[in-house]
């Protein structure tokens, strides 16, 4: 599984097999890059790390940079031929979001809360 955390400064990438983190990378967040440019970067990271992009069977994206979310989602769909889950109020995490407006809670907060609970 590929896990992507889009932050304002960097994008964290993690390659998992089950619960085991096989490899992680950090790349600079660039709001101007296209899905093709991120795709080339992602394929290079995988190949240079000795991993086959075709082995990825699932993906999840967490983002605090809304304009980049669809770009990264498209990149994952193109490279891995999968539709990634997106962390947000609509994703079933097993943890209720008890805010008046759950859509105001950032993906980073949701992911952090679920990780802390786990």
N, C-alpha and C. Protein backbone atom coordinates (compact mmCIF):
# COMPACT_ATOMS: atom_id res chain seq x y z
N UNK A 1 0.84 -1.17 0.00
CA UNK A 1 0.00 0.00 0.00
C UNK A 1 0.89 1.23 0.00
N UNK A 2 0.45 2.25 -0.72
CA UNK A 2 1.15 3.53 -0.72
C UNK A 2 0.33 4.49 0.15
N UNK A 3 1.00 5.14 1.08
CA UNK A 3 0.37 6.15 1.93
C UNK A 3 1.03 7.48 1.62
N UNK A 4 0.21 8.51 1.42
CA UNK A 4 0.72 9.82 1.04
C UNK A 4 0.15 10.86 2.00
N UNK A 5 1.03 11.66 2.58
CA UNK A 5 0.63 12.74 3.48
C UNK A 5 1.10 14.05 2.86
N UNK A 6 0.18 14.80 2.31
CA UNK A 6 0.51 16.06 1.63
C UNK A 6 0.48 17.19 2.65
N UNK A 7 1.66 17.71 2.96
CA UNK A 7 1.78 18.84 3.87
C UNK A 7 2.14 20.10 3.11
N UNK A 8 2.16 21.21 3.81
CA UNK A 8 2.46 22.49 3.16
C UNK A 8 3.90 22.58 2.66
N UNK A 9 4.83 21.92 3.33
CA UNK A 9 6.24 22.00 2.96
C UNK A 9 6.73 20.75 2.26
N UNK A 10 6.33 19.59 2.77
CA UNK A 10 6.77 18.32 2.18
C UNK A 10 5.61 17.36 2.02
N UNK A 11 5.82 16.39 1.15
CA UNK A 11 4.89 15.28 0.97
C UNK A 11 5.60 14.04 1.48
N UNK A 12 5.00 13.40 2.45
CA UNK A 12 5.54 12.15 2.98
C UNK A 12 4.92 10.98 2.24
N UNK A 13 5.76 10.05 1.84
CA UNK A 13 5.31 8.85 1.13
C UNK A 13 5.77 7.63 1.90
N UNK A 14 4.89 6.68 2.05
CA UNK A 14 5.25 5.45 2.73
C UNK A 14 4.77 4.25 1.94
N UNK A 15 5.62 3.26 1.82
CA UNK A 15 5.27 2.01 1.16
C UNK A 15 5.12 0.96 2.26
N UNK A 16 3.93 0.39 2.35
CA UNK A 16 3.63 -0.59 3.39
C UNK A 16 3.32 -1.95 2.82
N UNK A 17 3.69 -2.97 3.59
CA UNK A 17 3.24 -4.33 3.34
C UNK A 17 2.53 -4.73 4.63
N UNK A 18 1.21 -4.75 4.58
CA UNK A 18 0.44 -4.92 5.80
C UNK A 18 0.68 -3.72 6.70
N UNK A 19 1.08 -3.98 7.94
CA UNK A 19 1.38 -2.89 8.88
C UNK A 19 2.85 -2.50 8.87
N UNK A 20 3.66 -3.22 8.11
CA UNK A 20 5.10 -2.97 8.09
C UNK A 20 5.46 -1.89 7.07
N UNK A 21 6.15 -0.87 7.55
CA UNK A 21 6.66 0.18 6.66
C UNK A 21 7.93 -0.33 6.00
N UNK A 22 7.87 -0.50 4.67
CA UNK A 22 9.02 -0.99 3.93
C UNK A 22 10.00 0.14 3.61
N UNK A 23 9.45 1.29 3.26
CA UNK A 23 10.29 2.41 2.82
C UNK A 23 9.49 3.70 2.93
N UNK A 24 10.18 4.77 3.22
CA UNK A 24 9.52 6.08 3.23
C UNK A 24 10.39 7.09 2.50
N UNK A 25 9.73 8.10 1.97
CA UNK A 25 10.40 9.18 1.25
C UNK A 25 9.74 10.50 1.61
N UNK A 26 10.46 11.58 1.43
CA UNK A 26 9.92 12.93 1.56
C UNK A 26 10.33 13.71 0.31
N UNK A 27 9.34 14.39 -0.26
CA UNK A 27 9.62 15.25 -1.41
C UNK A 27 9.02 16.62 -1.12
N UNK A 28 9.55 17.61 -1.77
CA UNK A 28 9.08 18.98 -1.58
C UNK A 28 7.67 19.14 -2.16
N UNK A 29 6.80 19.78 -1.40
CA UNK A 29 5.46 20.11 -1.90
C UNK A 29 5.60 21.20 -2.94
N UNK A 30 5.06 20.94 -4.12
CA UNK A 30 5.10 21.92 -5.21
C UNK A 30 3.72 21.98 -5.83
N UNK A 31 3.00 23.03 -5.52
CA UNK A 31 1.61 23.19 -6.00
C UNK A 31 1.53 23.34 -7.52
N UNK A 32 2.65 23.62 -8.15
CA UNK A 32 2.66 23.84 -9.60
C UNK A 32 2.89 22.56 -10.40
N UNK A 33 3.35 21.49 -9.76
CA UNK A 33 3.63 20.25 -10.47
C UNK A 33 2.33 19.59 -10.92
N UNK A 34 2.43 18.92 -12.06
CA UNK A 34 1.29 18.17 -12.60
C UNK A 34 1.34 16.73 -12.11
N UNK A 35 0.26 16.01 -12.35
CA UNK A 35 0.23 14.59 -11.97
C UNK A 35 1.30 13.82 -12.75
N UNK A 36 1.58 14.22 -13.98
CA UNK A 36 2.64 13.55 -14.76
C UNK A 36 4.01 13.75 -14.11
N UNK A 37 4.28 14.98 -13.66
CA UNK A 37 5.57 15.26 -13.01
C UNK A 37 5.71 14.49 -11.70
N UNK A 38 4.64 14.47 -10.89
CA UNK A 38 4.69 13.69 -9.66
C UNK A 38 4.81 12.20 -9.98
N UNK A 39 4.20 11.76 -11.07
CA UNK A 39 4.28 10.36 -11.47
C UNK A 39 5.70 9.94 -11.80
N UNK A 40 6.41 10.77 -12.56
CA UNK A 40 7.81 10.48 -12.90
C UNK A 40 8.64 10.38 -11.62
N UNK A 41 8.42 11.32 -10.72
CA UNK A 41 9.15 11.33 -9.45
C UNK A 41 8.86 10.07 -8.64
N UNK A 42 7.61 9.70 -8.56
CA UNK A 42 7.21 8.53 -7.78
C UNK A 42 7.78 7.24 -8.36
N UNK A 43 7.71 7.08 -9.67
CA UNK A 43 8.26 5.89 -10.32
C UNK A 43 9.77 5.82 -10.09
N UNK A 44 10.46 6.96 -10.20
CA UNK A 44 11.91 6.98 -9.95
C UNK A 44 12.24 6.59 -8.52
N UNK A 45 11.48 7.10 -7.56
CA UNK A 45 11.72 6.74 -6.16
C UNK A 45 11.56 5.24 -5.95
N UNK A 46 10.49 4.69 -6.52
CA UNK A 46 10.24 3.25 -6.38
C UNK A 46 11.36 2.45 -7.02
N UNK A 47 11.69 2.76 -8.25
CA UNK A 47 12.71 1.98 -8.96
C UNK A 47 14.08 2.10 -8.31
N UNK A 48 14.45 3.32 -7.89
CA UNK A 48 15.74 3.51 -7.22
C UNK A 48 15.80 2.80 -5.87
N UNK A 49 14.63 2.61 -5.25
CA UNK A 49 14.58 1.89 -3.98
C UNK A 49 14.45 0.39 -4.15
N UNK A 50 14.35 -0.07 -5.42
CA UNK A 50 14.25 -1.50 -5.69
C UNK A 50 12.83 -2.06 -5.57
N UNK A 51 11.84 -1.19 -5.70
CA UNK A 51 10.44 -1.61 -5.58
C UNK A 51 9.72 -1.49 -6.91
N UNK A 52 8.81 -2.41 -7.15
CA UNK A 52 8.03 -2.42 -8.39
C UNK A 52 6.71 -1.70 -8.15
N UNK A 53 6.46 -0.59 -8.87
CA UNK A 53 5.19 0.12 -8.70
C UNK A 53 3.97 -0.77 -8.95
N UNK A 54 4.11 -1.81 -9.76
CA UNK A 54 2.98 -2.69 -10.07
C UNK A 54 2.59 -3.56 -8.88
N UNK A 55 3.44 -3.61 -7.86
CA UNK A 55 3.13 -4.43 -6.69
C UNK A 55 2.17 -3.75 -5.72
N UNK A 56 1.92 -2.46 -5.91
CA UNK A 56 1.05 -1.71 -5.00
C UNK A 56 -0.40 -2.04 -5.30
N UNK A 57 -1.13 -2.42 -4.25
CA UNK A 57 -2.53 -2.85 -4.40
C UNK A 57 -3.53 -1.93 -3.72
N UNK A 58 -3.05 -0.93 -3.00
CA UNK A 58 -3.95 -0.01 -2.30
C UNK A 58 -3.24 1.30 -2.02
N UNK A 59 -4.03 2.32 -1.73
CA UNK A 59 -3.45 3.61 -1.44
C UNK A 59 -4.36 4.47 -0.59
N UNK A 60 -3.75 5.39 0.13
CA UNK A 60 -4.49 6.34 0.94
C UNK A 60 -3.78 7.68 0.90
N UNK A 61 -4.56 8.76 0.86
CA UNK A 61 -4.02 10.11 0.77
C UNK A 61 -4.60 10.96 1.89
N UNK A 62 -3.73 11.69 2.57
CA UNK A 62 -4.12 12.68 3.56
C UNK A 62 -3.52 13.99 3.11
N UNK A 63 -4.32 15.07 3.16
CA UNK A 63 -3.82 16.32 2.62
C UNK A 63 -4.33 17.53 3.40
N UNK A 64 -3.42 18.50 3.60
CA UNK A 64 -3.81 19.81 4.11
C UNK A 64 -3.60 20.87 3.02
N UNK A 65 -3.37 20.41 1.80
CA UNK A 65 -3.19 21.30 0.64
C UNK A 65 -4.25 20.90 -0.40
N UNK A 66 -5.48 21.37 -0.22
CA UNK A 66 -6.58 20.93 -1.09
C UNK A 66 -6.32 20.98 -2.60
N UNK A 67 -5.61 22.00 -3.14
CA UNK A 67 -5.38 22.00 -4.59
C UNK A 67 -4.52 20.82 -5.08
N UNK A 68 -3.69 20.25 -4.20
CA UNK A 68 -2.83 19.14 -4.61
C UNK A 68 -3.51 17.78 -4.49
N UNK A 69 -4.56 17.70 -3.72
CA UNK A 69 -5.22 16.40 -3.50
C UNK A 69 -5.61 15.71 -4.80
N UNK A 70 -6.35 16.37 -5.71
CA UNK A 70 -6.71 15.68 -6.95
C UNK A 70 -5.51 15.36 -7.83
N UNK A 71 -4.46 16.15 -7.75
CA UNK A 71 -3.24 15.90 -8.54
C UNK A 71 -2.60 14.59 -8.07
N UNK A 72 -2.46 14.44 -6.76
CA UNK A 72 -1.84 13.23 -6.21
C UNK A 72 -2.75 12.02 -6.41
N UNK A 73 -4.05 12.21 -6.25
CA UNK A 73 -4.99 11.10 -6.49
C UNK A 73 -4.86 10.62 -7.93
N UNK A 74 -4.79 11.55 -8.87
CA UNK A 74 -4.64 11.18 -10.29
C UNK A 74 -3.31 10.48 -10.53
N UNK A 75 -2.25 10.95 -9.88
CA UNK A 75 -0.94 10.32 -10.01
C UNK A 75 -1.01 8.86 -9.57
N UNK A 76 -1.63 8.62 -8.42
CA UNK A 76 -1.74 7.26 -7.90
C UNK A 76 -2.56 6.39 -8.84
N UNK A 77 -3.65 6.94 -9.36
CA UNK A 77 -4.48 6.17 -10.30
C UNK A 77 -3.70 5.81 -11.55
N UNK A 78 -2.89 6.75 -12.07
CA UNK A 78 -2.12 6.50 -13.29
C UNK A 78 -0.98 5.51 -13.06
N UNK A 79 -0.24 5.67 -11.98
CA UNK A 79 0.95 4.85 -11.75
C UNK A 79 0.60 3.45 -11.26
N UNK A 80 -0.35 3.37 -10.32
CA UNK A 80 -0.63 2.10 -9.66
C UNK A 80 -1.94 1.45 -10.11
N UNK A 81 -2.70 2.14 -10.95
CA UNK A 81 -4.00 1.64 -11.43
C UNK A 81 -4.95 1.30 -10.27
N UNK A 82 -4.95 2.15 -9.26
CA UNK A 82 -5.85 2.00 -8.12
C UNK A 82 -6.46 3.35 -7.78
N UNK A 83 -7.62 3.34 -7.17
CA UNK A 83 -8.23 4.57 -6.69
C UNK A 83 -7.94 4.64 -5.19
N UNK A 84 -7.18 5.65 -4.76
CA UNK A 84 -6.82 5.71 -3.35
C UNK A 84 -7.98 6.17 -2.46
N UNK A 85 -7.96 5.72 -1.21
CA UNK A 85 -8.88 6.26 -0.22
C UNK A 85 -8.36 7.65 0.12
N UNK A 86 -9.27 8.53 0.53
CA UNK A 86 -8.89 9.88 0.90
C UNK A 86 -9.34 10.13 2.34
N UNK A 87 -8.39 10.52 3.19
CA UNK A 87 -8.71 10.78 4.59
C UNK A 87 -9.55 12.05 4.67
N UNK A 88 -10.67 11.93 5.35
CA UNK A 88 -11.57 13.06 5.53
C UNK A 88 -12.81 12.60 6.26
N UNK A 89 -13.75 13.50 6.45
CA UNK A 89 -14.95 13.17 7.20
C UNK A 89 -15.77 12.01 6.63
N UNK A 90 -15.68 11.73 5.35
CA UNK A 90 -16.46 10.65 4.74
C UNK A 90 -15.82 9.28 4.86
N UNK A 91 -14.55 9.21 5.26
CA UNK A 91 -13.84 7.94 5.34
C UNK A 91 -14.16 7.25 6.66
N UNK A 92 -14.56 6.00 6.59
CA UNK A 92 -14.88 5.23 7.79
C UNK A 92 -13.58 4.78 8.47
N UNK A 93 -13.27 5.42 9.60
CA UNK A 93 -12.05 5.11 10.33
C UNK A 93 -12.33 4.32 11.59
N UNK A 94 -13.60 4.22 11.96
CA UNK A 94 -13.95 3.58 13.21
C UNK A 94 -13.93 4.56 14.38
N UNK A 95 -13.60 5.82 14.09
CA UNK A 95 -13.57 6.85 15.12
C UNK A 95 -14.52 7.97 14.71
N UNK A 96 -15.56 8.21 15.51
CA UNK A 96 -16.49 9.29 15.16
C UNK A 96 -15.84 10.67 15.31
N UNK A 97 -16.21 11.58 14.45
CA UNK A 97 -15.73 12.95 14.52
C UNK A 97 -16.83 13.76 15.18
N UNK A 98 -16.64 14.09 16.44
CA UNK A 98 -17.69 14.72 17.24
C UNK A 98 -17.56 16.25 17.24
N UNK A 99 -17.55 16.81 16.06
CA UNK A 99 -17.53 18.26 15.90
C UNK A 99 -18.85 18.68 15.29
N UNK A 100 -19.25 19.93 15.52
CA UNK A 100 -20.49 20.42 14.93
C UNK A 100 -20.45 20.28 13.42
N UNK A 101 -19.30 20.59 12.82
CA UNK A 101 -19.14 20.45 11.38
C UNK A 101 -17.90 19.60 11.11
N UNK A 102 -18.06 18.28 10.94
CA UNK A 102 -16.90 17.39 10.73
C UNK A 102 -16.06 17.77 9.52
N UNK A 103 -16.64 18.49 8.56
CA UNK A 103 -15.88 18.88 7.36
C UNK A 103 -14.82 19.93 7.66
N UNK A 104 -14.88 20.54 8.85
CA UNK A 104 -13.88 21.53 9.23
C UNK A 104 -12.64 20.90 9.87
N UNK A 105 -12.69 19.59 10.13
CA UNK A 105 -11.56 18.91 10.76
C UNK A 105 -10.59 18.48 9.66
N UNK A 106 -9.34 18.89 9.79
CA UNK A 106 -8.33 18.59 8.77
C UNK A 106 -7.96 17.12 8.73
N UNK A 107 -7.55 16.67 7.55
CA UNK A 107 -7.15 15.27 7.36
C UNK A 107 -5.99 14.90 8.27
N UNK A 108 -5.09 15.86 8.53
CA UNK A 108 -3.96 15.58 9.41
C UNK A 108 -4.43 15.29 10.83
N UNK A 109 -5.45 15.98 11.27
CA UNK A 109 -6.00 15.76 12.62
C UNK A 109 -6.69 14.40 12.71
N UNK A 110 -7.43 14.05 11.67
CA UNK A 110 -8.11 12.76 11.65
C UNK A 110 -7.08 11.62 11.67
N UNK A 111 -6.09 11.70 10.79
CA UNK A 111 -5.07 10.66 10.72
C UNK A 111 -4.30 10.56 12.04
N UNK A 112 -3.98 11.69 12.64
CA UNK A 112 -3.26 11.68 13.91
C UNK A 112 -4.09 11.06 15.04
N UNK A 113 -5.38 11.37 15.08
CA UNK A 113 -6.25 10.83 16.11
C UNK A 113 -6.39 9.32 15.97
N UNK A 114 -6.58 8.86 14.74
CA UNK A 114 -6.71 7.42 14.51
C UNK A 114 -5.41 6.70 14.86
N UNK A 115 -4.27 7.28 14.48
CA UNK A 115 -2.97 6.68 14.80
C UNK A 115 -2.75 6.62 16.30
N UNK A 116 -3.10 7.69 17.00
CA UNK A 116 -2.92 7.71 18.46
C UNK A 116 -3.81 6.67 19.13
N UNK A 117 -5.02 6.54 18.65
CA UNK A 117 -5.95 5.56 19.21
C UNK A 117 -5.45 4.15 18.96
N UNK A 118 -4.95 3.92 17.76
CA UNK A 118 -4.45 2.58 17.37
C UNK A 118 -3.27 2.19 18.21
